[in-house]
Amino acid sequence: MSYIQYVGFNVGGGSRSYNFDVVGTAEEAREFTVKLQSEAFRPSALKFQDGPDICFRRVKRELEAETHDRHAQNHLEVGREEIQDYVERNSPHKRLKGELGTT
């Protein structure tokens, strides 16, 4: 069983790079970096506190898709569609509206 551990982020060049270690496998620990464009952090998109979570989920999906013939990439990016999907699924305001049966 593998564990994904968030170890921090770096800012530069119009983006944030979130760093993760994957530990607990038979192999040596692996390092992953997930890049998010700074423009993703605006009022209608992600909050800064969402960065580690959306990037964690990106690493997790990459690891779940790994096979003997296809190893997970160590340098990943989060795209616009992923950001939009994340915001729609995790927005408390939208969930509240849905729970009340309104749109």
C-alpha atoms as a PDB file:
ATOM      1  CA  MET A   1       0.000   0.000   0.000  1.00  0.00           C
ATOM      2  CA  SER A   2       1.278   3.470  -0.926  1.00  0.00           C
ATOM      3  CA  TYR A   3       0.852   6.704   0.995  1.00  0.00           C
ATOM      4  CA  ILE A   4       0.869  10.109  -0.640  1.00  0.00           C
ATOM      5  CA  GLN A   5       2.434  12.752   1.558  1.00  0.00           C
ATOM      6  CA  TYR A   6       2.175  16.480   0.827  1.00  0.00           C
ATOM      7  CA  VAL A   7       5.538  18.162   1.457  1.00  0.00           C
ATOM      8  CA  GLY A   8       4.985  21.769   0.352  1.00  0.00           C
ATOM      9  CA  PHE A   9       4.856  24.058  -2.652  1.00  0.00           C
ATOM     10  CA  ASN A  10       6.939  26.534  -4.633  1.00  0.00           C
ATOM     11  CA  VAL A  11       5.775  29.687  -6.412  1.00  0.00           C
ATOM     12  CA  GLY A  12       7.345  30.929  -9.611  1.00  0.00           C
ATOM     13  CA  GLY A  13       6.833  31.652 -13.272  1.00  0.00           C
ATOM     14  CA  GLY A  14       3.090  32.269 -13.027  1.00  0.00           C
ATOM     15  CA  SER A  15       2.355  28.964 -11.303  1.00  0.00           C
ATOM     16  CA  ARG A  16       2.499  27.020  -8.073  1.00  0.00           C
ATOM     17  CA  SER A  17       4.173  23.617  -7.949  1.00  0.00           C
ATOM     18  CA  TYR A  18       2.936  21.277  -5.223  1.00  0.00           C
ATOM     19  CA  ASN A  19       5.333  18.572  -4.053  1.00  0.00           C
ATOM     20  CA  PHE A  20       4.422  15.089  -2.859  1.00  0.00           C
ATOM     21  CA  ASP A  21       6.294  11.991  -1.744  1.00  0.00           C
ATOM     22  CA  VAL A  22       4.832   8.554  -2.323  1.00  0.00           C
ATOM     23  CA  VAL A  23       6.042   6.198   0.384  1.00  0.00           C
ATOM     24  CA  GLY A  24       5.279   2.730   1.669  1.00  0.00           C
ATOM     25  CA  THR A  25       5.803   0.821  -1.545  1.00  0.00           C
ATOM     26  CA  ALA A  26       8.305  -1.936  -2.133  1.00  0.00           C
ATOM     27  CA  GLU A  27      10.256   0.561  -4.226  1.00  0.00           C
ATOM     28  CA  GLU A  28      12.112   3.594  -2.937  1.00  0.00           C
ATOM     29  CA  ALA A  29      10.062   6.688  -2.166  1.00  0.00           C
ATOM     30  CA  ARG A  30       9.081   8.633  -5.281  1.00  0.00           C
ATOM     31  CA  GLU A  31       8.683  12.374  -5.661  1.00  0.00           C
ATOM     32  CA  PHE A  32       5.871  14.017  -7.615  1.00  0.00           C
ATOM     33  CA  THR A  33       5.344  17.639  -8.597  1.00  0.00           C
ATOM     34  CA  VAL A  34       1.958  18.960  -9.696  1.00  0.00           C
ATOM     35  CA  LYS A  35       1.757  22.350 -11.379  1.00  0.00           C
ATOM     36  CA  LEU A  36      -1.201  24.733 -11.116  1.00  0.00           C
ATOM     37  CA  GLN A  37      -1.277  27.975 -13.087  1.00  0.00           C
ATOM     38  CA  SER A  38      -1.656  31.041 -10.844  1.00  0.00           C
ATOM     39  CA  GLU A  39      -4.720  32.087 -12.834  1.00  0.00           C
ATOM     40  CA  ALA A  40      -6.553  29.088 -11.307  1.00  0.00           C
ATOM     41  CA  PHE A  41      -6.674  31.031  -8.030  1.00  0.00           C
ATOM     42  CA  ARG A  42      -9.354  33.632  -8.600  1.00  0.00           C
ATOM     43  CA  PRO A  43     -12.751  34.248  -7.004  1.00  0.00           C
ATOM     44  CA  SER A  44     -14.676  32.043  -9.452  1.00  0.00           C
ATOM     45  CA  ALA A  45     -12.162  29.187  -9.334  1.00  0.00           C
ATOM     46  CA  LEU A  46      -9.862  27.736  -6.665  1.00  0.00           C
ATOM     47  CA  LYS A  47      -9.028  29.091  -3.251  1.00  0.00           C
ATOM     48  CA  PHE A  48      -5.383  28.854  -2.166  1.00  0.00           C
ATOM     49  CA  GLN A  49      -6.317  26.207   0.419  1.00  0.00           C
ATOM     50  CA  ASP A  50      -7.714  24.015  -2.410  1.00  0.00           C
ATOM     51  CA  GLY A  51      -4.313  23.729  -4.104  1.00  0.00           C
ATOM     52  CA  PRO A  52      -2.891  20.820  -2.086  1.00  0.00           C
ATOM     53  CA  ASP A  53      -6.151  18.840  -2.282  1.00  0.00           C
ATOM     54  CA  ILE A  54      -6.712  19.116  -6.032  1.00  0.00           C
ATOM     55  CA  CYS A  55      -3.044  18.265  -6.641  1.00  0.00           C
ATOM     56  CA  PHE A  56      -3.196  15.323  -4.209  1.00  0.00           C
ATOM     57  CA  ARG A  57      -6.159  13.981  -6.180  1.00  0.00           C
ATOM     58  CA  ARG A  58      -4.193  14.385  -9.432  1.00  0.00           C
ATOM     59  CA  VAL A  59      -1.288  12.320  -8.050  1.00  0.00           C
ATOM     60  CA  LYS A  60      -3.710   9.697  -6.743  1.00  0.00           C
ATOM     61  CA  ARG A  61      -5.390   9.321 -10.164  1.00  0.00           C
ATOM     62  CA  GLU A  62      -1.993   9.024 -11.841  1.00  0.00           C
ATOM     63  CA  LEU A  63      -0.938   6.267  -9.427  1.00  0.00           C
ATOM     64  CA  GLU A  64      -4.239   4.406  -9.816  1.00  0.00           C
ATOM     65  CA  ALA A  65      -3.735   4.349 -13.608  1.00  0.00           C
ATOM     66  CA  GLU A  66      -0.223   2.941 -13.246  1.00  0.00           C
ATOM     67  CA  THR A  67       0.471  -0.512 -14.706  1.00  0.00           C
ATOM     68  CA  HIS A  68       3.553  -2.667 -15.245  1.00  0.00           C
ATOM     69  CA  ASP A  69       3.923  -1.146 -18.705  1.00  0.00           C
ATOM     70  CA  ARG A  70       2.932   2.420 -17.806  1.00  0.00           C
ATOM     71  CA  HIS A  71       4.560   4.124 -14.841  1.00  0.00           C
ATOM     72  CA  ALA A  72       3.141   7.254 -13.269  1.00  0.00           C
ATOM     73  CA  GLN A  73       4.622  10.514 -14.505  1.00  0.00           C
ATOM     74  CA  ASN A  74       6.493  12.468 -11.840  1.00  0.00           C
ATOM     75  CA  HIS A  75       5.703  15.922 -13.252  1.00  0.00           C
ATOM     76  CA  LEU A  76       1.992  16.599 -13.656  1.00  0.00           C
ATOM     77  CA  GLU A  77      -0.331  19.525 -14.318  1.00  0.00           C
ATOM     78  CA  VAL A  78      -3.911  20.213 -13.362  1.00  0.00           C
ATOM     79  CA  GLY A  79      -5.963  21.345 -16.348  1.00  0.00           C
ATOM     80  CA  ARG A  80      -8.904  23.717 -16.645  1.00  0.00           C
ATOM     81  CA  GLU A  81     -11.482  20.923 -16.868  1.00  0.00           C
ATOM     82  CA  GLU A  82     -10.149  19.339 -13.665  1.00  0.00           C
ATOM     83  CA  ILE A  83     -10.327  22.709 -11.907  1.00  0.00           C
ATOM     84  CA  GLN A  84     -13.884  23.332 -13.071  1.00  0.00           C
ATOM     85  CA  ASP A  85     -14.973  19.841 -11.995  1.00  0.00           C
ATOM     86  CA  TYR A  86     -13.282  20.258  -8.598  1.00  0.00           C
ATOM     87  CA  VAL A  87     -14.957  23.623  -7.974  1.00  0.00           C
ATOM     88  CA  GLU A  88     -18.390  22.277  -8.968  1.00  0.00           C
ATOM     89  CA  ARG A  89     -18.032  19.228  -6.712  1.00  0.00           C
ATOM     90  CA  ASN A  90     -16.516  21.004  -3.714  1.00  0.00           C
ATOM     91  CA  SER A  91     -18.260  24.368  -3.579  1.00  0.00           C
ATOM     92  CA  PRO A  92     -20.199  24.591  -0.273  1.00  0.00           C
ATOM     93  CA  HIS A  93     -22.500  27.200  -1.820  1.00  0.00           C
ATOM     94  CA  LYS A  94     -23.481  24.912  -4.695  1.00  0.00           C
ATOM     95  CA  ARG A  95     -23.969  21.936  -2.377  1.00  0.00           C
ATOM     96  CA  LEU A  96     -26.203  23.989  -0.123  1.00  0.00           C
ATOM     97  CA  LYS A  97     -28.381  24.992  -3.067  1.00  0.00           C
ATOM     98  CA  GLY A  98     -28.603  21.370  -4.196  1.00  0.00           C
ATOM     99  CA  GLU A  99     -29.527  20.189  -0.700  1.00  0.00           C
ATOM    100  CA  LEU A 100     -32.355  22.715  -0.550  1.00  0.00           C
ATOM    101  CA  GLY A 101     -33.686  21.528  -3.869  1.00  0.00           C
ATOM    102  CA  THR A 102     -33.125  24.879  -5.600  1.00  0.00           C
ATOM    103  CA  THR A 103     -30.888  25.835  -8.498  1.00  0.00           C
END
